[in-house]
Amino acid sequence: MARSRFAFLASNPRDRHTPLRQLEEVTRLRQALDASLLKRRVDVDQYLTARYDDLIRILRDRPEVLYFTGFHASEQGGIVLEDARGNSAPIMNKELVQLFGEFKPQIRLVYLTACYTDQTAQALARLADCTVGFNGLLADDFANRFSELFFASLFACQPISVAFASAMEEAANDPSVAEAQKIAGTLDCPRIFYRHGVPQDELKAFSARPLTIFISYGGPDKAVAERLNNALEARGVETFLFVHDAKAGRPLHRVMHRGVNEHDFVVLICSKDSLVRPGVLNEIEESLKKSSRQGGRNILVPLAIDDFVYASWKPDRDDLAVYVRDLVIADFRQAIRGKMAFGKAVDRLVEDLAGPD
């Protein structure tokens, strides 16, 4: 499963005498990420007193998104980092372009939240897929609100163009921040630029995608499967549930084959009613084949709602029972009896599956 990297670069030199709330800023971003579809799919590297060496390290590490917050070097652009004493160390547009050209970081989005960074964003758009800067003076509250809206949409896997347009509209119509920005400058100060040839309508900030799960069950367990499906979707998981997602007229074996192979995991509802169904047994077999093709990486997640899988289940193919019982079985036998317990059990399941292998 693809993971993405997000670099947060903050600079607040002591000689600027203007304290910025950058720890609060990165905290809000992390909270938005944790509440999103990409939770635990994006690794965040943060530099809160960023120096030149930190920028070099970021360019070498090649994150998909580079977020800078701080001060501009001049009205013609550039950014200000910190030197060894914590004072200003400006980097002008020409040097930034040279650094990006040297390291070729293949960044999808460079986001520069500081005044007068639109020219810098435009210059870097030759070397990054998309860049965002701000024209003229920028009110802190407006900048923070725009960033919050923009990245919430990006974490929801929206294309950058859609996220930008939505954030522009919502921030401009939010009186709590719009009035401050009107005093500082103009409401249309966020500017977006694209590298030539980039498909603007399709480009997303992160290559990582939400967790996807195929739910395997027998007809008698439809109610449990639907309850699980709804709970997973509410937590940002993309699911396939036969009763909702199978298209009429498609061959059953093809639906099963594609469902198992096109999703990250197969959650197998284990009960006396489901584990004896031929379709469910076929899905277990296909999961075993997929795991073998992936070098042994398991994709089957047994989820018990009664005692059947632990001892009574004896399929004709012994290897299927061995395969399932050799895995850690998610025990939902008690959880399905209560709303709160079920929710907690689903939370743990999602945490387990969304985390590193």
Protein backbone atom coordinates (compact mmCIF):
# COMPACT_ATOMS: atom_id res chain seq x y z
CA MET A 1 0.00 0.00 0.00
CA ALA A 2 1.47 3.32 -1.10
CA ARG A 3 2.39 5.84 1.58
CA SER A 4 3.02 9.52 1.04
CA ARG A 5 5.39 12.00 2.69
CA PHE A 6 4.44 15.52 3.73
CA ALA A 7 7.18 17.98 4.76
CA PHE A 8 6.19 20.90 7.02
CA LEU A 9 8.84 23.62 6.98
CA ALA A 10 8.41 26.52 9.42
CA SER A 11 10.64 29.51 10.09
CA ASN A 12 10.15 32.26 12.68
CA PRO A 13 13.48 34.11 13.04
CA ARG A 14 13.97 35.98 16.30
CA ASP A 15 15.05 39.18 14.50
CA ARG A 16 11.66 39.45 12.83
CA HIS A 17 10.02 40.27 16.19
CA THR A 18 6.67 38.94 14.92
CA PRO A 19 5.74 35.67 16.65
CA LEU A 20 3.86 33.21 14.43
CA ARG A 21 1.60 30.41 15.69
CA GLN A 22 3.31 27.67 13.70
CA LEU A 23 3.11 24.89 16.26
CA GLU A 24 -0.63 25.51 16.37
CA GLU A 25 -0.64 25.46 12.57
CA VAL A 26 1.04 22.06 12.23
CA THR A 27 -1.10 20.68 15.06
CA ARG A 28 -4.25 21.63 13.16
CA LEU A 29 -2.90 20.00 10.01
CA ARG A 30 -2.12 16.79 11.88
CA GLN A 31 -5.60 16.78 13.41
CA ALA A 32 -7.15 17.22 9.98
CA LEU A 33 -5.02 14.36 8.65
CA ASP A 34 -5.95 12.10 11.57
CA ALA A 35 -9.64 12.72 10.86
CA SER A 36 -9.28 12.06 7.14
CA LEU A 37 -9.34 9.23 4.63
CA LEU A 38 -5.54 9.25 4.58
CA LYS A 39 -5.01 8.73 8.29
CA ARG A 40 -1.85 6.68 8.78
CA ARG A 41 -1.21 6.76 5.03
CA VAL A 42 0.77 10.01 5.11
CA ASP A 43 4.06 10.43 7.02
CA VAL A 44 4.62 13.99 8.29
CA ASP A 45 8.15 15.40 8.68
CA GLN A 46 8.15 18.73 10.52
CA TYR A 47 10.89 21.32 10.88
CA LEU A 48 9.80 24.15 13.20
CA THR A 49 13.07 26.15 13.13
CA ALA A 50 13.98 25.41 9.54
CA ARG A 51 17.50 26.05 8.31
CA TYR A 52 19.13 25.74 4.90
CA ASP A 53 20.32 22.20 5.69
CA ASP A 54 16.75 21.19 6.53
CA LEU A 55 15.56 22.37 3.12
CA ILE A 56 18.33 20.35 1.44
CA ARG A 57 17.33 17.28 3.48
CA ILE A 58 13.70 17.69 2.44
CA LEU A 59 14.58 17.99 -1.25
CA ARG A 60 16.71 14.83 -1.00
CA ASP A 61 13.91 12.94 0.79
CA ARG A 62 11.45 13.83 -2.00
CA PRO A 63 8.16 14.40 -0.20
CA GLU A 64 5.05 14.68 -2.32
CA VAL A 65 4.01 17.89 -0.55
CA LEU A 66 6.24 20.68 0.75
CA TYR A 67 4.48 23.16 3.03
CA PHE A 68 6.34 26.33 4.02
CA THR A 69 5.05 28.80 6.60
CA GLY A 70 6.92 31.89 7.69
CA PHE A 71 8.17 35.12 6.12
CA HIS A 72 8.88 36.27 2.58
CA ALA A 73 12.34 37.54 1.69
CA SER A 74 11.15 40.55 -0.31
CA GLU A 75 8.15 41.79 -2.26
CA GLN A 76 9.63 39.95 -5.25
CA GLY A 77 9.37 36.68 -3.36
CA GLY A 78 11.79 34.27 -1.79
CA ILE A 79 11.48 32.77 1.68
CA VAL A 80 13.25 33.31 4.99
CA LEU A 81 14.81 30.41 6.89
CA GLU A 82 16.89 30.61 10.08
CA ASP A 83 20.63 30.65 10.57
CA ALA A 84 22.55 28.92 13.37
CA ARG A 85 21.67 31.75 15.77
CA GLY A 86 17.99 31.73 14.92
CA ASN A 87 18.15 34.92 12.85
CA SER A 88 16.92 35.49 9.29
CA ALA A 89 18.55 33.60 6.42
CA PRO A 90 16.73 34.64 3.21
CA ILE A 91 16.72 32.51 0.08
CA MET A 92 15.68 34.30 -3.08
CA ASN A 93 13.74 32.85 -6.00
CA LYS A 94 16.79 32.23 -8.19
CA GLU A 95 18.51 30.13 -5.52
CA LEU A 96 15.33 28.17 -4.79
CA VAL A 97 14.93 27.36 -8.47
CA GLN A 98 18.58 26.26 -8.64
CA LEU A 99 18.13 23.96 -5.62
CA PHE A 100 14.97 22.38 -7.04
CA GLY A 101 16.71 21.96 -10.38
CA GLU A 102 19.73 20.32 -8.75
CA PHE A 103 17.86 17.83 -6.56
CA LYS A 104 14.84 17.26 -8.84
CA PRO A 105 12.60 16.34 -5.88
CA GLN A 106 9.53 15.45 -8.00
CA ILE A 107 7.19 17.27 -5.62
CA ARG A 108 3.50 17.28 -6.42
CA LEU A 109 2.63 20.40 -4.42
CA VAL A 110 4.69 23.27 -3.03
CA TYR A 111 2.58 25.41 -0.69
CA LEU A 112 4.04 28.74 0.44
CA THR A 113 1.91 30.41 3.11
CA ALA A 114 3.58 33.79 3.47
CA CYS A 115 3.08 37.26 2.02
CA TYR A 116 4.39 37.99 -1.48
CA THR A 117 5.14 34.36 -2.35
CA ASP A 118 3.14 34.24 -5.60
CA GLN A 119 6.23 35.03 -7.70
CA THR A 120 8.18 32.30 -5.92
CA ALA A 121 5.34 29.84 -6.57
CA GLN A 122 5.27 30.82 -10.23
CA ALA A 123 9.04 30.33 -10.56
CA LEU A 124 8.92 26.89 -8.91
CA ALA A 125 6.00 25.74 -11.08
CA ARG A 126 8.54 24.73 -13.73
CA LEU A 127 9.98 22.21 -11.26
CA ALA A 128 6.97 21.00 -9.25
CA ASP A 129 3.63 19.74 -10.51
CA CYS A 130 1.69 22.45 -8.70
CA THR A 131 2.57 25.44 -6.54
CA VAL A 132 0.50 27.80 -4.40
CA GLY A 133 1.62 31.22 -3.15
CA PHE A 134 0.02 34.43 -1.97
CA ASN A 135 -0.09 37.79 -3.71
CA GLY A 136 0.55 40.84 -1.54
CA LEU A 137 -0.07 41.08 2.18
CA LEU A 138 -1.70 38.20 3.99
CA ALA A 139 -3.72 38.32 7.22
CA ASP A 140 -2.75 35.50 9.60
CA ASP A 141 -6.33 34.43 10.33
CA PHE A 142 -7.22 34.30 6.63
CA ALA A 143 -4.05 32.34 5.81
CA ASN A 144 -4.74 29.81 8.57
CA ARG A 145 -8.37 29.39 7.54
CA PHE A 146 -7.51 28.98 3.86
CA SER A 147 -4.80 26.43 4.65
CA GLU A 148 -7.15 24.50 6.93
CA LEU A 149 -9.86 24.30 4.25
CA PHE A 150 -7.43 23.53 1.43
CA PHE A 151 -5.65 20.68 3.18
CA ALA A 152 -8.82 19.18 4.60
CA SER A 153 -9.93 18.69 0.99
CA LEU A 154 -6.53 17.34 -0.05
CA PHE A 155 -6.60 14.84 2.83
CA ALA A 156 -10.06 13.83 1.57
CA CYS A 157 -8.36 12.87 -1.74
CA GLN A 158 -9.87 15.75 -3.72
CA PRO A 159 -7.93 16.98 -6.78
CA ILE A 160 -5.79 20.02 -6.01
CA SER A 161 -7.82 22.22 -8.36
CA VAL A 162 -11.08 21.30 -6.61
CA ALA A 163 -9.57 21.80 -3.15
CA PHE A 164 -8.18 25.21 -4.13
CA ALA A 165 -11.46 26.48 -5.60
CA SER A 166 -13.43 25.24 -2.59
CA ALA A 167 -11.04 26.84 -0.09
CA MET A 168 -11.10 30.13 -2.00
CA GLU A 169 -14.89 30.26 -1.91
CA GLU A 170 -15.30 29.22 1.72
CA ALA A 171 -12.57 31.49 3.09
CA ALA A 172 -13.87 34.49 1.15
CA ASN A 173 -17.37 33.89 2.54
CA ASP A 174 -16.22 33.46 6.14
CA PRO A 175 -16.72 36.89 7.74
CA SER A 176 -14.54 35.97 10.71
CA VAL A 177 -11.43 35.99 8.46
CA ALA A 178 -12.49 37.74 5.26
CA GLU A 179 -12.71 41.20 6.84
CA ALA A 180 -9.16 40.98 8.17
CA GLN A 181 -7.89 39.99 4.74
CA LYS A 182 -9.74 42.87 3.06
CA ILE A 183 -7.89 45.26 5.36
CA ALA A 184 -4.51 43.60 4.66
CA GLY A 185 -4.95 43.10 0.94
CA THR A 186 -7.38 41.31 -1.38
CA LEU A 187 -9.48 38.17 -0.99
CA ASP A 188 -8.11 36.68 -4.21
CA CYS A 189 -4.52 36.67 -2.90
CA PRO A 190 -4.07 32.85 -3.08
CA ARG A 191 -2.54 32.02 -6.46
CA ILE A 192 -2.10 28.58 -8.01
CA PHE A 193 0.31 27.51 -10.76
CA TYR A 194 0.85 24.23 -12.61
CA ARG A 195 3.78 22.72 -14.42
CA HIS A 196 3.20 22.68 -18.18
CA GLY A 197 1.47 19.50 -19.31
CA VAL A 198 0.22 18.44 -15.87
CA PRO A 199 -3.43 17.22 -15.97
CA GLN A 200 -4.83 19.97 -13.75
CA ASP A 201 -8.29 18.45 -13.26
CA GLU A 202 -6.87 15.12 -12.07
CA LEU A 203 -3.74 16.00 -10.08
CA LYS A 204 -3.89 15.05 -6.40
CA ALA A 205 -1.44 16.08 -3.71
CA PHE A 206 -0.89 12.57 -2.38
CA SER A 207 -0.42 9.25 -4.18
CA ALA A 208 -1.63 7.38 -1.09
CA ARG A 209 -5.26 6.34 -1.23
CA PRO A 210 -7.79 5.37 1.43
CA LEU A 211 -7.89 1.89 2.92
CA THR A 212 -10.09 -0.44 0.82
CA ILE A 213 -11.86 -3.54 2.12
CA PHE A 214 -13.84 -6.32 0.45
CA ILE A 215 -16.37 -7.86 2.88
CA SER A 216 -16.83 -11.60 2.47
CA TYR A 217 -19.99 -13.08 4.01
CA GLY A 218 -22.86 -15.49 3.49
CA GLY A 219 -26.43 -14.35 2.91
CA PRO A 220 -27.71 -15.13 6.43
CA ASP A 221 -25.12 -12.67 7.81
CA LYS A 222 -26.27 -9.82 5.60
CA ALA A 223 -27.36 -7.65 8.55
CA VAL A 224 -23.98 -7.99 10.27
CA ALA A 225 -22.17 -7.32 6.97
CA GLU A 226 -24.20 -4.18 6.36
CA ARG A 227 -23.58 -2.96 9.90
CA LEU A 228 -19.85 -3.49 9.46
CA ASN A 229 -19.91 -1.87 6.03
CA ASN A 230 -21.65 1.25 7.36
CA ALA A 231 -19.22 1.53 10.26
CA LEU A 232 -16.19 1.21 7.97
CA GLU A 233 -17.51 3.79 5.52
CA ALA A 234 -18.16 6.20 8.39
CA ARG A 235 -14.44 5.91 9.20
CA GLY A 236 -13.33 6.78 5.68
CA VAL A 237 -12.75 3.24 4.42
CA GLU A 238 -13.73 2.38 0.86
CA THR A 239 -15.67 -0.89 0.90
CA PHE A 240 -17.19 -3.46 -1.40
CA LEU A 241 -20.33 -5.16 -0.12
CA PHE A 242 -22.00 -7.51 -2.58
CA VAL A 243 -25.57 -6.48 -1.83
CA HIS A 244 -24.72 -2.81 -2.44
CA ASP A 245 -21.93 -2.84 -5.01
CA ALA A 246 -22.28 -5.87 -7.29
CA LYS A 247 -23.59 -4.88 -10.72
CA ALA A 248 -26.47 -6.82 -12.23
CA GLY A 249 -25.61 -9.16 -15.05
CA ARG A 250 -21.96 -9.66 -14.09
CA PRO A 251 -20.67 -13.26 -13.68
CA LEU A 252 -20.44 -14.09 -9.98
CA HIS A 253 -16.95 -15.56 -10.20
CA ARG A 254 -15.67 -12.41 -11.91
CA VAL A 255 -17.22 -10.15 -9.25
CA MET A 256 -15.58 -12.24 -6.55
CA HIS A 257 -12.20 -12.36 -8.31
CA ARG A 258 -12.06 -8.63 -8.93
CA GLY A 259 -13.35 -7.80 -5.45
CA VAL A 260 -10.66 -9.81 -3.72
CA ASN A 261 -7.84 -8.65 -5.99
CA GLU A 262 -8.70 -4.96 -6.24
CA HIS A 263 -8.96 -4.26 -2.50
CA ASP A 264 -6.28 -3.99 0.17
CA PHE A 265 -7.93 -6.50 2.49
CA VAL A 266 -10.68 -9.09 2.57
CA VAL A 267 -12.59 -9.08 5.86
CA LEU A 268 -14.08 -12.53 6.28
CA ILE A 269 -17.15 -12.78 8.49
CA CYS A 270 -16.69 -16.08 10.31
CA SER A 271 -19.88 -17.78 11.46
CA LYS A 272 -21.68 -21.10 11.16
CA ASP A 273 -23.78 -19.56 8.39
CA SER A 274 -21.03 -17.89 6.32
CA LEU A 275 -18.13 -20.34 6.47
CA VAL A 276 -20.12 -23.16 4.85
CA ARG A 277 -21.13 -21.11 1.79
CA PRO A 278 -19.39 -22.07 -1.49
CA GLY A 279 -18.97 -18.42 -2.47
CA VAL A 280 -17.25 -17.58 0.80
CA LEU A 281 -14.94 -20.59 0.47
CA ASN A 282 -14.03 -19.44 -3.04
CA GLU A 283 -13.18 -15.99 -1.67
CA ILE A 284 -10.93 -17.54 1.00
CA GLU A 285 -9.18 -19.56 -1.71
CA GLU A 286 -8.71 -16.48 -3.90
CA SER A 287 -7.33 -14.55 -0.92
CA LEU A 288 -4.79 -17.32 -0.34
CA LYS A 289 -3.74 -17.15 -4.01
CA LYS A 290 -3.36 -13.37 -3.86
CA SER A 291 -1.25 -13.61 -0.71
CA SER A 292 1.01 -16.13 -2.44
CA ARG A 293 1.39 -13.83 -5.46
CA GLN A 294 2.36 -11.01 -3.10
CA GLY A 295 5.19 -13.00 -1.57
CA GLY A 296 3.22 -14.16 1.45
CA ARG A 297 1.79 -10.79 2.48
CA ASN A 298 -1.57 -11.66 4.00
CA ILE A 299 -4.72 -9.85 2.90
CA LEU A 300 -7.37 -11.97 4.66
CA VAL A 301 -8.77 -10.74 7.98
CA PRO A 302 -11.04 -13.24 9.76
CA LEU A 303 -13.71 -11.64 11.94
CA ALA A 304 -15.54 -14.01 14.28
CA ILE A 305 -19.15 -13.37 15.30
CA ASP A 306 -19.67 -16.82 16.88
CA ASP A 307 -17.52 -19.79 17.99
CA PHE A 308 -17.74 -21.78 14.75
CA VAL A 309 -14.34 -20.83 13.25
CA TYR A 310 -12.37 -21.77 16.35
CA ALA A 311 -13.22 -25.50 16.49
CA SER A 312 -16.36 -26.67 14.67
CA TRP A 313 -15.49 -25.54 11.14
CA LYS A 314 -14.24 -28.45 9.04
CA PRO A 315 -14.28 -27.58 5.34
CA ASP A 316 -13.46 -30.20 2.69
CA ARG A 317 -10.18 -28.42 2.08
CA ASP A 318 -8.27 -28.62 5.34
CA ASP A 319 -5.70 -26.08 4.12
CA LEU A 320 -8.34 -23.33 4.09
CA ALA A 321 -9.13 -23.91 7.76
CA VAL A 322 -5.43 -24.01 8.59
CA TYR A 323 -4.90 -20.77 6.66
CA VAL A 324 -7.67 -18.92 8.50
CA ARG A 325 -6.88 -20.28 11.97
CA ASP A 326 -3.20 -19.40 11.61
CA LEU A 327 -4.19 -15.75 11.40
CA VAL A 328 -5.08 -13.43 14.27
CA ILE A 329 -8.87 -13.50 14.31
CA ALA A 330 -10.72 -10.27 15.11
CA ASP A 331 -13.07 -11.32 17.90
CA PHE A 332 -16.42 -9.55 17.48
CA ARG A 333 -18.46 -12.15 19.41
CA GLN A 334 -19.24 -9.75 22.23
CA ALA A 335 -18.93 -6.53 20.24
CA ILE A 336 -21.87 -7.26 17.93
CA ARG A 337 -24.19 -7.19 20.95
CA GLY A 338 -23.72 -3.50 21.73
CA LYS A 339 -23.39 -0.22 19.83
CA MET A 340 -20.47 1.22 21.79
CA ALA A 341 -18.50 -2.03 21.92
CA PHE A 342 -19.03 -2.56 18.19
CA GLY A 343 -17.77 0.93 17.41
CA LYS A 344 -14.64 0.41 19.50
CA ALA A 345 -13.99 -2.95 17.83
CA VAL A 346 -14.29 -1.37 14.36
CA ASP A 347 -11.96 1.46 15.42
CA ARG A 348 -9.33 -1.06 16.42
CA LEU A 349 -9.80 -3.03 13.21
CA VAL A 350 -9.27 0.08 11.07
CA GLU A 351 -6.23 1.08 13.13
CA ASP A 352 -4.71 -2.37 12.68
CA LEU A 353 -5.27 -2.45 8.93
CA ALA A 354 -4.35 1.15 8.16
CA GLY A 355 -1.05 0.94 10.01
CA PRO A 356 2.29 -0.35 8.73
CA ASP A 357 2.47 -4.02 7.78
